[in-house]
């Protein structure tokens, strides 16, 4: 590269860390982060991140090295995220619900040299790091001394000297996010600075995220939805961010009131828990103007209830996946009831199609696979060119989600390919059956899966959580479905549970339900 070209490149650079620094220059005294006992201005947040960035360099880390983080939500988590980005280091967030062997797989596969842990996960983190990984150092994610001399403390990293910001190429790798592993072994999704920043722009425009927002971040920051759809864009424009790791309804409702929260994201499971709380109608939620949901389509009956009980809150459905950084399509407030159940249309910077097995567009109303083209997209799967090639067949990213499209271009998710129940030679969408069962007023939550059956190959099976104080029978559920659905779609069996298994990000873990049900003796 010539001297002139190098100078131009430096002047045009923009990494994720640059976004924080530029916000700090615009609004230095505005509160960036709030949490229990913490309130950082943008000036303080940026300065601390810069010092911690230098601290990582003092550990011997160089551009492109991977740093794993396993911790609950906290301002320190956010600080480490920006500290790594400022030096071209690669963030590897680790799902806090994983066991030591699963964590060790991610540490080994990513080649992480450092593991950052908080108090809760120090033990399992150390155990995992000792399992044949390349981890050389552990970092204690607290503003206090580390529990042992062989562990570096966040305080030590933050004591490093300030230095001029590094130039990080936007095409550099920002993070490797491992898929949840609900289908197979986790895959490392590689996302660059430019991919994530492009996705930020789509989120800002489509979700009307603004500097005046007070955003409550309760979903795990190790998941890209909270980290990159809400926290990153909010910091980009200078919003105020309230951080918590407590998703209990009483805790969330208290934070809404205490901080006059204006913006909140959660999957349908969390919104449902809020609606079912006896404290909901007593809480002052008048400040909440923007509500977002994702990870699953909101049941129409719940959506209608939200609109009735939160009349001042405009709602958005954000659909996507990790490989899209993650935003892909948006259903906006004005379409929530008109297009109830839809995932909306392609977001800014995204082109989306519904295709058949030959890669041709399906006709209106027909079912096909969702494929995307976008600068949001992953650079590939880490250390897996074969899987990358298959996912990008035909020059489009294949999502694995099945959907149909209407005459106005709105997309309706039918199911993940793995969640289609193949029963008696027919394909049944588990989501369609779930929507029908949600119409019963006694139902709090429901999941529908296919269970191995000698006659039907797979039998449609519903697992239902009943609302507190209500009563419901298997016969009543089956009769309700049979009255409005084809016989092959009607559940062959209905079971009742106190709660459904979920990931830390609020997704239903249908694989666990299938494994459990397939292990039960047939009736």
Protein backbone atom coordinates (compact mmCIF):
# COMPACT_ATOMS: atom_id res chain seq x y z
CA UNK A 1 0.00 0.00 0.00
CA UNK A 2 1.41 3.42 -0.96
CA UNK A 3 1.91 6.16 1.64
CA UNK A 4 -1.04 8.11 0.23
CA UNK A 5 -3.28 5.06 0.23
CA UNK A 6 -2.25 4.25 3.81
CA UNK A 7 -3.09 7.78 4.96
CA UNK A 8 -6.47 7.67 3.23
CA UNK A 9 -7.20 4.26 4.77
CA UNK A 10 -6.40 5.56 8.27
CA UNK A 11 -8.59 8.63 7.86
CA UNK A 12 -11.54 6.54 6.62
CA UNK A 13 -11.28 3.84 9.29
CA UNK A 14 -14.26 2.94 11.42
CA UNK A 15 -14.27 0.09 13.89
CA UNK A 16 -16.92 -0.71 16.47
CA UNK A 17 -14.67 0.91 19.10
CA UNK A 18 -14.55 4.11 17.03
CA UNK A 19 -18.32 4.39 17.43
CA UNK A 20 -17.99 4.58 21.22
CA UNK A 21 -15.13 7.08 21.07
CA UNK A 22 -17.02 9.37 18.67
CA UNK A 23 -20.13 9.26 20.85
CA UNK A 24 -17.96 10.17 23.85
CA UNK A 25 -16.65 13.18 21.92
CA UNK A 26 -20.21 14.31 21.12
CA UNK A 27 -21.87 13.74 24.51
CA UNK A 28 -19.05 13.18 27.05
CA UNK A 29 -21.11 13.87 30.17
CA UNK A 30 -24.21 11.90 29.25
CA UNK A 31 -24.80 8.66 31.17
CA UNK A 32 -23.86 5.68 29.01
CA UNK A 33 -24.19 2.79 31.48
CA UNK A 34 -26.29 2.23 34.56
CA UNK A 35 -26.39 -0.84 36.77
CA UNK A 36 -26.60 -1.56 40.47
CA UNK A 37 -23.92 0.68 41.99
CA UNK A 38 -22.60 1.89 38.62
CA UNK A 39 -23.18 4.99 36.52
CA UNK A 40 -20.63 5.71 33.79
CA UNK A 41 -20.69 8.75 31.55
CA UNK A 42 -19.68 8.25 27.93
CA UNK A 43 -16.33 9.92 28.72
CA UNK A 44 -15.71 7.48 31.58
CA UNK A 45 -16.88 4.47 29.58
CA UNK A 46 -14.64 5.31 26.62
CA UNK A 47 -11.60 6.06 28.79
CA UNK A 48 -12.02 2.85 30.78
CA UNK A 49 -12.42 0.77 27.61
CA UNK A 50 -9.24 2.32 26.17
CA UNK A 51 -7.26 1.48 29.32
CA UNK A 52 -8.57 -2.09 29.40
CA UNK A 53 -7.67 -2.43 25.73
CA UNK A 54 -4.07 -1.55 26.58
CA UNK A 55 -4.27 -4.00 29.48
CA UNK A 56 -5.08 -6.84 27.09
CA UNK A 57 -2.07 -5.87 24.98
CA UNK A 58 0.06 -6.08 28.13
CA UNK A 59 -1.02 -9.72 28.41
CA UNK A 60 0.76 -10.31 25.10
CA UNK A 61 -2.34 -10.38 22.89
CA UNK A 62 -2.02 -9.23 19.30
CA UNK A 63 -4.44 -8.31 16.50
CA UNK A 64 -6.68 -11.26 15.64
CA UNK A 65 -6.20 -13.14 18.92
CA UNK A 66 -9.41 -14.49 20.43
CA UNK A 67 -10.70 -13.64 23.91
CA UNK A 68 -13.61 -15.61 25.36
CA UNK A 69 -16.05 -14.01 27.81
CA UNK A 70 -18.32 -16.00 30.08
CA UNK A 71 -20.32 -13.82 32.43
CA UNK A 72 -23.67 -12.36 33.37
CA UNK A 73 -24.68 -8.97 32.00
CA UNK A 74 -22.73 -6.09 33.51
CA UNK A 75 -21.12 -2.80 32.48
CA UNK A 76 -17.77 -4.61 32.68
CA UNK A 77 -18.97 -7.07 30.00
CA UNK A 78 -19.77 -4.10 27.75
CA UNK A 79 -16.43 -2.46 28.55
CA UNK A 80 -14.48 -5.58 27.60
CA UNK A 81 -16.43 -5.79 24.34
CA UNK A 82 -15.27 -2.31 23.29
CA UNK A 83 -11.76 -2.80 24.68
CA UNK A 84 -11.25 -5.85 22.47
CA UNK A 85 -12.68 -4.10 19.40
CA UNK A 86 -10.28 -1.18 19.89
CA UNK A 87 -7.23 -3.42 19.45
CA UNK A 88 -8.48 -5.77 16.73
CA UNK A 89 -8.92 -8.60 19.24
CA UNK A 90 -11.78 -11.02 18.63
CA UNK A 91 -14.60 -11.44 21.12
CA UNK A 92 -15.87 -15.00 21.70
CA UNK A 93 -18.96 -14.79 23.94
CA UNK A 94 -19.76 -18.05 25.73
CA UNK A 95 -23.27 -19.15 26.64
CA UNK A 96 -23.39 -19.18 30.43
CA UNK A 97 -25.76 -22.17 30.46
CA UNK A 98 -23.20 -24.54 28.95
CA UNK A 99 -21.34 -27.24 30.86
CA UNK A 100 -17.56 -27.52 31.17
CA UNK A 101 -17.16 -29.89 28.19
CA UNK A 102 -19.26 -27.67 25.92
CA UNK A 103 -17.30 -24.60 27.01
CA UNK A 104 -14.03 -26.44 26.44
CA UNK A 105 -15.16 -27.23 22.89
CA UNK A 106 -15.70 -23.53 22.15
CA UNK A 107 -12.42 -22.50 23.77
CA UNK A 108 -10.52 -25.15 21.82
CA UNK A 109 -12.31 -24.57 18.51
CA UNK A 110 -11.83 -20.79 18.66
CA UNK A 111 -8.26 -21.00 19.91
CA UNK A 112 -9.03 -18.43 22.62
CA UNK A 113 -5.90 -17.32 24.51
CA UNK A 114 -7.75 -15.55 27.32
CA UNK A 115 -10.97 -16.39 29.18
CA UNK A 116 -12.78 -13.63 31.08
CA UNK A 117 -15.13 -14.87 33.80
CA UNK A 118 -17.20 -13.40 36.59
CA UNK A 119 -17.58 -14.81 40.07
CA UNK A 120 -20.47 -17.13 39.20
CA UNK A 121 -18.66 -18.89 36.37
CA UNK A 122 -15.07 -18.85 37.59
CA UNK A 123 -15.14 -22.50 38.64
CA UNK A 124 -16.63 -23.98 35.49
CA UNK A 125 -14.51 -21.62 33.40
CA UNK A 126 -11.28 -22.78 34.99
CA UNK A 127 -12.36 -26.40 34.61
CA UNK A 128 -13.15 -25.89 30.93
CA UNK A 129 -9.93 -23.98 30.23
CA UNK A 130 -7.92 -26.87 31.67
CA UNK A 131 -9.51 -29.29 29.21
CA UNK A 132 -6.97 -29.18 26.38
CA UNK A 133 -7.48 -25.56 25.31
CA UNK A 134 -5.05 -22.80 24.36
CA UNK A 135 -6.18 -20.51 27.19
CA UNK A 136 -3.12 -18.89 28.80
CA UNK A 137 -4.75 -16.36 31.12
CA UNK A 138 -7.97 -15.90 33.08
CA UNK A 139 -9.41 -12.44 33.76
CA UNK A 140 -11.59 -11.76 36.82
CA UNK A 141 -14.48 -9.53 35.68
CA UNK A 142 -14.92 -7.53 38.88
CA UNK A 143 -13.62 -4.22 40.13
CA UNK A 144 -11.79 -5.98 42.94
CA UNK A 145 -8.71 -8.11 43.44
CA UNK A 146 -8.69 -11.50 41.72
CA UNK A 147 -9.16 -14.58 43.95
CA UNK A 148 -5.69 -15.95 43.12
CA UNK A 149 -2.38 -14.71 41.77
CA UNK A 150 -2.65 -16.65 38.54
CA UNK A 151 -5.83 -14.76 37.60
CA UNK A 152 -5.68 -11.19 36.27
CA UNK A 153 -8.28 -8.77 37.59
CA UNK A 154 -10.30 -6.28 35.58
CA UNK A 155 -8.89 -3.66 37.94
CA UNK A 156 -5.35 -4.54 36.80
CA UNK A 157 -6.29 -4.28 33.14
CA UNK A 158 -7.99 -0.93 33.77
CA UNK A 159 -4.86 0.48 35.41
CA UNK A 160 -2.95 0.45 32.10
CA UNK A 161 -1.81 3.72 30.57
CA UNK A 162 -3.86 5.50 27.94
CA UNK A 163 -2.44 5.64 24.43
CA UNK A 164 -3.63 6.93 21.04
CA UNK A 165 -6.35 4.70 19.53
CA UNK A 166 -5.23 1.97 17.13
CA UNK A 167 -6.38 1.85 13.52
CA UNK A 168 -8.48 -1.28 13.05
CA UNK A 169 -9.55 -2.27 9.54
CA UNK A 170 -13.33 -2.53 9.31
CA UNK A 171 -12.91 -5.82 7.45
CA UNK A 172 -11.15 -7.31 10.47
CA UNK A 173 -12.84 -10.02 12.46
CA UNK A 174 -14.80 -8.52 15.38
CA UNK A 175 -16.33 -11.60 16.98
CA UNK A 176 -16.96 -15.31 16.69
CA UNK A 177 -20.41 -16.25 17.97
CA UNK A 178 -21.14 -19.91 18.49
CA UNK A 179 -24.60 -21.08 17.54
CA UNK A 180 -26.70 -22.48 20.36
CA UNK A 181 -26.12 -26.09 19.41
CA UNK A 182 -29.83 -26.93 19.59
CA UNK A 183 -29.46 -28.84 16.30
CA UNK A 184 -25.83 -30.06 16.26
CA UNK A 185 -22.36 -29.12 17.50
CA UNK A 186 -21.96 -25.35 17.85
CA UNK A 187 -20.68 -23.53 14.77
CA UNK A 188 -18.44 -20.46 15.02
CA UNK A 189 -20.06 -17.57 13.14
CA UNK A 190 -17.42 -15.01 12.07
CA UNK A 191 -18.60 -11.39 11.94
CA UNK A 192 -16.45 -8.44 10.91
CA UNK A 193 -16.59 -4.84 12.18
CA UNK A 194 -18.14 -3.67 8.91
CA UNK A 195 -20.83 -6.39 9.00
CA UNK A 196 -21.90 -5.46 12.52
CA UNK A 197 -21.80 -1.71 11.84
CA UNK A 198 -23.91 -2.20 8.71
CA UNK A 199 -26.38 -4.11 10.85
CA UNK A 200 -26.37 -1.27 13.42
CA UNK A 201 -27.50 1.14 10.71
CA UNK A 202 -30.39 -1.15 9.78
CA UNK A 203 -31.42 -1.41 13.44
CA UNK A 204 -31.29 2.35 13.97
CA UNK A 205 -33.45 3.08 10.94
CA UNK A 206 -35.92 0.20 11.20
CA UNK A 207 -36.28 0.25 14.98
CA UNK A 208 -36.23 4.05 15.37
CA UNK A 209 -33.47 3.76 17.98
CA UNK A 210 -32.47 7.24 19.13
CA UNK A 211 -30.23 9.18 21.52
CA UNK A 212 -33.24 9.94 23.73
CA UNK A 213 -33.87 6.27 24.50
CA UNK A 214 -33.39 4.74 27.94
CA UNK A 215 -32.84 1.10 27.01
CA UNK A 216 -33.16 -1.77 29.47
CA UNK A 217 -30.81 -4.63 28.50
CA UNK A 218 -31.93 -7.80 30.28
CA UNK A 219 -31.35 -10.56 27.74
CA UNK A 220 -27.84 -12.07 27.78
CA UNK A 221 -25.11 -9.96 26.20
CA UNK A 222 -23.41 -13.16 25.07
CA UNK A 223 -26.23 -13.38 22.53
CA UNK A 224 -26.04 -11.14 19.46
CA UNK A 225 -29.66 -9.95 19.76
CA UNK A 226 -29.07 -7.93 22.92
CA UNK A 227 -25.43 -7.15 22.16
CA UNK A 228 -25.73 -6.01 18.55
CA UNK A 229 -29.37 -5.12 17.90
CA UNK A 230 -29.83 -2.98 20.99
CA UNK A 231 -26.67 -2.22 23.01
CA UNK A 232 -24.38 -1.48 20.05
CA UNK A 233 -26.83 0.77 18.17
CA UNK A 234 -27.75 2.60 21.38
CA UNK A 235 -24.09 3.38 22.10
CA UNK A 236 -23.65 4.40 18.44
CA UNK A 237 -26.21 7.22 18.84
CA UNK A 238 -25.62 8.00 22.52
CA UNK A 239 -28.57 6.46 24.32
CA UNK A 240 -28.71 5.64 28.03
CA UNK A 241 -28.29 1.94 28.83
CA UNK A 242 -29.55 0.15 31.93
CA UNK A 243 -27.89 -3.24 32.41
CA UNK A 244 -29.35 -6.17 34.35
CA UNK A 245 -29.10 -9.93 34.39
CA UNK A 246 -32.31 -10.45 36.36
CA UNK A 247 -35.28 -11.31 34.13
CA UNK A 248 -37.78 -12.00 36.89
CA UNK A 249 -40.97 -10.01 36.22
CA UNK A 250 -40.82 -8.20 39.56
CA UNK A 251 -37.25 -7.08 38.89
CA UNK A 252 -37.95 -5.88 35.35
CA UNK A 253 -41.08 -4.01 36.38
CA UNK A 254 -39.13 -2.27 39.15
CA UNK A 255 -36.41 -1.19 36.68
CA UNK A 256 -39.01 0.12 34.22
CA UNK A 257 -40.32 2.43 36.94
CA UNK A 258 -37.03 3.37 38.63
CA UNK A 259 -35.24 4.41 35.42
CA UNK A 260 -38.25 5.50 33.33
CA UNK A 261 -37.25 2.97 30.70
CA UNK A 262 -38.45 3.86 27.20
CA UNK A 263 -37.20 0.84 25.20
CA UNK A 264 -37.13 -2.89 25.95
CA UNK A 265 -36.46 -6.07 24.00
CA UNK A 266 -37.36 -9.62 25.01
CA UNK A 267 -38.45 -12.86 23.37
CA UNK A 268 -42.15 -13.77 23.64
CA UNK A 269 -41.49 -15.97 26.68
CA UNK A 270 -40.34 -12.98 28.74
CA UNK A 271 -43.17 -10.71 27.57
CA UNK A 272 -45.62 -13.49 28.51
CA UNK A 273 -44.08 -13.75 31.99
CA UNK A 274 -44.53 -9.99 32.45
CA UNK A 275 -48.17 -10.14 31.38
CA UNK A 276 -48.83 -13.01 33.80
CA UNK A 277 -47.24 -11.23 36.76
CA UNK A 278 -49.71 -10.04 39.43
CA UNK A 279 -47.58 -6.86 39.63
CA UNK A 280 -48.02 -5.94 35.95
CA UNK A 281 -51.20 -3.88 36.23
CA UNK A 282 -49.88 -2.04 39.29
CA UNK A 283 -46.59 -1.00 37.66
CA UNK A 284 -46.16 2.43 36.07
CA UNK A 285 -45.12 1.57 32.51
CA UNK A 286 -46.12 4.92 30.99
CA UNK A 287 -42.52 5.66 29.94
CA UNK A 288 -42.24 2.48 27.86
CA UNK A 289 -42.73 3.68 24.29
CA UNK A 290 -40.87 1.03 22.28
CA UNK A 291 -41.25 -2.71 22.73
CA UNK A 292 -39.35 -5.24 20.65
CA UNK A 293 -39.67 -8.99 20.40
CA UNK A 294 -37.80 -11.67 18.52
CA UNK A 295 -36.26 -15.17 18.75
CA UNK A 296 -39.76 -16.49 17.97
CA UNK A 297 -42.97 -15.14 16.46
CA UNK A 298 -45.31 -13.68 19.05
CA UNK A 299 -48.51 -15.74 19.33
CA UNK A 300 -51.33 -13.63 17.92
CA UNK A 301 -53.43 -13.95 21.10
CA UNK A 302 -50.51 -12.63 23.18
CA UNK A 303 -49.86 -9.82 20.69
CA UNK A 304 -53.46 -8.67 20.99
CA UNK A 305 -53.18 -8.75 24.78
CA UNK A 306 -49.98 -6.67 24.67
CA UNK A 307 -51.63 -4.04 22.50
CA UNK A 308 -54.56 -3.84 24.93
CA UNK A 309 -52.51 -3.70 28.15
CA UNK A 310 -49.64 -1.54 26.82
CA UNK A 311 -51.58 0.98 24.72
CA UNK A 312 -48.75 3.56 24.70
CA UNK A 313 -46.08 1.08 23.61
CA UNK A 314 -45.31 0.67 19.91
CA UNK A 315 -44.20 -2.84 19.01
CA UNK A 316 -41.65 -4.23 16.56
CA UNK A 317 -40.87 -7.82 15.59
CA UNK A 318 -37.19 -8.27 14.70
CA UNK A 319 -36.45 -11.55 12.93
CA UNK A 320 -33.01 -12.84 12.10
CA UNK A 321 -30.26 -15.19 13.12
CA UNK A 322 -26.68 -15.10 14.36
CA UNK A 323 -25.30 -15.35 10.82
CA UNK A 324 -27.09 -12.10 9.89
CA UNK A 325 -25.48 -10.20 12.81
CA UNK A 326 -28.49 -10.84 13.45
CA UNK A 327 -31.24 -8.57 11.96
CA UNK A 328 -32.88 -9.74 8.72
CA UNK A 329 -36.53 -8.64 8.58
CA UNK A 330 -38.77 -6.26 10.51
CA UNK A 331 -42.49 -6.05 11.24
CA UNK A 332 -43.18 -2.43 12.16
CA UNK A 333 -45.72 -1.04 14.64
CA UNK A 334 -48.31 -0.09 12.06
CA UNK A 335 -48.41 -3.68 10.79
CA UNK A 336 -48.56 -5.56 14.10
CA UNK A 337 -52.27 -6.40 13.89
CA UNK A 338 -52.77 -5.96 10.14
CA UNK A 339 -50.04 -8.56 9.52
CA UNK A 340 -50.20 -10.39 12.86
CA UNK A 341 -47.88 -13.37 12.94
CA UNK A 342 -45.63 -12.02 10.20
CA UNK A 343 -41.87 -11.49 10.43
CA UNK A 344 -42.30 -8.44 8.21
CA UNK A 345 -40.18 -7.46 5.24
CA UNK A 346 -36.46 -7.29 4.60
CA UNK A 347 -34.64 -4.69 6.67
CA UNK A 348 -32.55 -1.88 5.26
CA UNK A 349 -29.32 -3.35 3.81
CA UNK A 350 -30.96 -6.77 3.39
CA UNK A 351 -32.39 -8.57 0.36
CA UNK A 352 -34.55 -11.59 1.17
CA UNK A 353 -36.20 -14.24 -0.99
CA UNK A 354 -38.27 -17.39 -0.39
CA UNK A 355 -37.01 -20.17 -2.66
CA UNK A 356 -37.73 -23.80 -3.53
CA UNK A 357 -35.25 -26.69 -3.60
CA UNK A 358 -33.94 -25.46 -6.98
CA UNK A 359 -33.33 -21.94 -5.69
CA UNK A 360 -36.27 -20.44 -7.60
CA UNK A 361 -38.71 -17.97 -6.05
CA UNK A 362 -41.85 -19.63 -4.76
CA UNK A 363 -45.25 -18.24 -5.63
CA UNK A 364 -47.35 -16.25 -3.19
CA UNK A 365 -48.60 -18.53 -0.43
CA UNK A 366 -46.21 -21.39 -1.19
CA UNK A 367 -43.65 -22.58 1.34
CA UNK A 368 -39.93 -22.30 0.72
CA UNK A 369 -36.65 -21.54 2.46
CA UNK A 370 -35.61 -18.01 3.42
CA UNK A 371 -32.35 -16.87 1.79
CA UNK A 372 -30.53 -13.56 2.18
CA UNK A 373 -27.95 -11.26 0.63
CA UNK A 374 -26.61 -8.50 2.88
CA UNK A 375 -23.46 -6.77 4.11
CA UNK A 376 -24.67 -7.91 7.58
CA UNK A 377 -23.71 -11.46 6.76
CA UNK A 378 -21.05 -13.57 8.41
CA UNK A 379 -17.66 -13.91 6.77
CA UNK A 380 -18.01 -17.68 7.12
CA UNK A 381 -17.97 -20.42 9.72
CA UNK A 382 -14.71 -20.55 11.66
CA UNK A 383 -12.46 -23.38 10.45
CA UNK A 384 -15.24 -24.88 8.32
CA UNK A 385 -15.09 -24.03 4.62
CA UNK A 386 -17.32 -26.96 3.68
CA UNK A 387 -20.16 -25.75 5.88
CA UNK A 388 -19.61 -22.18 4.66
CA UNK A 389 -19.86 -23.25 1.01
CA UNK A 390 -23.07 -25.18 1.67
CA UNK A 391 -24.66 -22.26 3.54
CA UNK A 392 -23.87 -19.85 0.67
CA UNK A 393 -24.98 -22.14 -2.17
CA UNK A 394 -25.94 -20.12 -5.23
CA UNK A 395 -24.50 -16.93 -3.76
CA UNK A 396 -27.27 -16.53 -1.18
CA UNK A 397 -27.16 -17.36 2.52
CA UNK A 398 -29.54 -20.21 3.32
CA UNK A 399 -31.23 -19.61 6.67
CA UNK A 400 -32.78 -23.04 7.26
CA UNK A 401 -36.10 -21.34 8.06
CA UNK A 402 -39.24 -22.21 6.12
CA UNK A 403 -41.67 -19.43 5.24
CA UNK A 404 -44.31 -18.17 2.85
CA UNK A 405 -44.70 -14.70 1.39
CA UNK A 406 -47.91 -12.76 0.73
CA UNK A 407 -48.82 -10.47 -2.15
CA UNK A 408 -47.39 -7.43 -0.33
CA UNK A 409 -44.02 -9.07 0.31
CA UNK A 410 -44.57 -9.84 4.00
CA UNK A 411 -42.88 -13.00 5.23
CA UNK A 412 -44.56 -15.53 7.50
CA UNK A 413 -42.28 -18.02 9.22
CA UNK A 414 -43.72 -21.51 8.97
CA UNK A 415 -41.03 -23.31 10.96
CA UNK A 416 -37.44 -24.26 11.20
CA UNK A 417 -36.89 -27.21 8.90
CA UNK A 418 -36.21 -29.32 11.98
CA UNK A 419 -39.52 -28.31 13.61
CA UNK A 420 -41.81 -29.50 10.81
CA UNK A 421 -43.60 -32.61 12.05
CA UNK A 422 -43.81 -35.30 9.38
CA UNK A 423 -46.87 -37.29 10.34
CA UNK A 424 -48.69 -39.92 8.27
CA UNK A 425 -47.14 -38.64 5.04
CA UNK A 426 -48.13 -35.01 5.73
CA UNK A 427 -46.04 -32.04 6.89
CA UNK A 428 -47.41 -30.14 9.88
CA UNK A 429 -46.11 -26.77 11.04
CA UNK A 430 -45.63 -26.90 14.80
CA UNK A 431 -46.18 -23.15 14.90
CA UNK A 432 -49.64 -23.44 13.29
CA UNK A 433 -50.75 -25.89 15.97
CA UNK A 434 -49.24 -23.73 18.71
CA UNK A 435 -51.19 -20.70 17.48
CA UNK A 436 -54.41 -22.71 17.67
CA UNK A 437 -53.73 -23.87 21.23
CA UNK A 438 -52.82 -20.34 22.32
CA UNK A 439 -56.42 -19.37 21.58
CA UNK A 440 -57.46 -21.28 24.70
CA UNK A 441 -57.63 -18.70 27.52
CA UNK A 442 -56.20 -21.18 30.04
CA UNK A 443 -52.90 -21.55 28.17
CA UNK A 444 -49.81 -19.66 29.36
CA UNK A 445 -47.29 -21.35 27.05
CA UNK A 446 -47.23 -24.19 24.57
CA UNK A 447 -44.71 -26.06 22.44
CA UNK A 448 -45.55 -28.59 19.73
CA UNK A 449 -43.05 -31.22 18.60
CA UNK A 450 -43.00 -34.49 16.69
CA UNK A 451 -42.51 -37.70 18.67
CA UNK A 452 -41.52 -41.03 17.12
CA UNK A 453 -44.59 -43.18 16.53
CA UNK A 454 -44.95 -46.67 14.98
CA UNK A 455 -48.09 -45.69 13.08
CA UNK A 456 -47.67 -42.01 12.24
CA UNK A 457 -43.84 -41.99 12.00
CA UNK A 458 -44.07 -38.79 14.03
CA UNK A 459 -47.03 -37.96 16.25
CA UNK A 460 -48.00 -34.32 16.78
CA UNK A 461 -47.52 -33.75 20.50
CA UNK A 462 -48.33 -30.62 22.51
CA UNK A 463 -46.71 -29.65 25.81
CA UNK A 464 -48.79 -27.05 27.64
CA UNK A 465 -48.18 -24.75 30.61
CA UNK A 466 -51.48 -23.73 32.22
CA UNK A 467 -52.06 -20.24 33.64
CA UNK A 468 -52.04 -19.97 37.41
CA UNK A 469 -55.44 -20.80 38.85
CA UNK A 470 -56.77 -22.27 35.59
CA UNK A 471 -57.63 -25.87 34.71
CA UNK A 472 -57.35 -27.68 31.38
CA UNK A 473 -57.50 -31.29 30.19
CA UNK A 474 -55.93 -33.16 27.32
CA UNK A 475 -59.39 -33.88 25.94
CA UNK A 476 -60.29 -30.17 25.92
CA UNK A 477 -57.13 -29.23 23.99
CA UNK A 478 -57.59 -31.98 21.40
CA UNK A 479 -61.30 -31.16 20.96
CA UNK A 480 -60.47 -27.46 20.51
CA UNK A 481 -57.89 -28.21 17.80
CA UNK A 482 -60.05 -30.78 16.03
CA UNK A 483 -62.89 -28.26 15.74
CA UNK A 484 -60.79 -25.92 13.57
CA UNK A 485 -57.93 -27.95 12.09
CA UNK A 486 -57.45 -30.96 9.87
CA UNK A 487 -57.31 -34.24 11.73
CA UNK A 488 -53.67 -34.92 10.87
CA UNK A 489 -52.68 -31.57 12.43
CA UNK A 490 -54.55 -32.23 15.69
CA UNK A 491 -52.27 -33.34 18.54
CA UNK A 492 -52.31 -37.07 19.21
CA UNK A 493 -51.15 -36.38 22.74
CA UNK A 494 -51.12 -33.42 25.15
CA UNK A 495 -48.88 -33.25 28.20
CA UNK A 496 -48.73 -30.59 30.90
CA UNK A 497 -45.61 -29.09 32.51
CA UNK A 498 -44.97 -26.34 35.04
CA UNK A 499 -42.53 -24.66 32.64
CA UNK A 500 -40.88 -25.21 29.27
CA UNK A 501 -37.11 -25.58 28.85
CA UNK A 502 -35.50 -22.42 27.47
CA UNK A 503 -32.07 -21.20 26.54
CA UNK A 504 -30.54 -18.20 28.31
CA UNK A 505 -31.77 -16.03 25.43
CA UNK A 506 -35.36 -17.19 25.98
CA UNK A 507 -35.68 -19.61 23.08
CA UNK A 508 -37.70 -22.75 23.60
CA UNK A 509 -35.41 -25.78 23.57
CA UNK A 510 -37.54 -28.12 21.51
CA UNK A 511 -34.68 -30.58 21.16
CA UNK A 512 -34.80 -31.19 24.91
CA UNK A 513 -38.56 -31.73 24.73
CA UNK A 514 -38.20 -34.17 21.83
CA UNK A 515 -35.44 -36.09 23.62
CA UNK A 516 -37.53 -36.27 26.80
CA UNK A 517 -40.71 -37.34 25.01
CA UNK A 518 -38.96 -39.91 22.88
CA UNK A 519 -37.59 -41.43 26.10
CA UNK A 520 -41.06 -41.89 27.61
CA UNK A 521 -42.78 -45.22 27.34
CA UNK A 522 -45.61 -45.12 24.75
CA UNK A 523 -49.14 -45.06 26.11
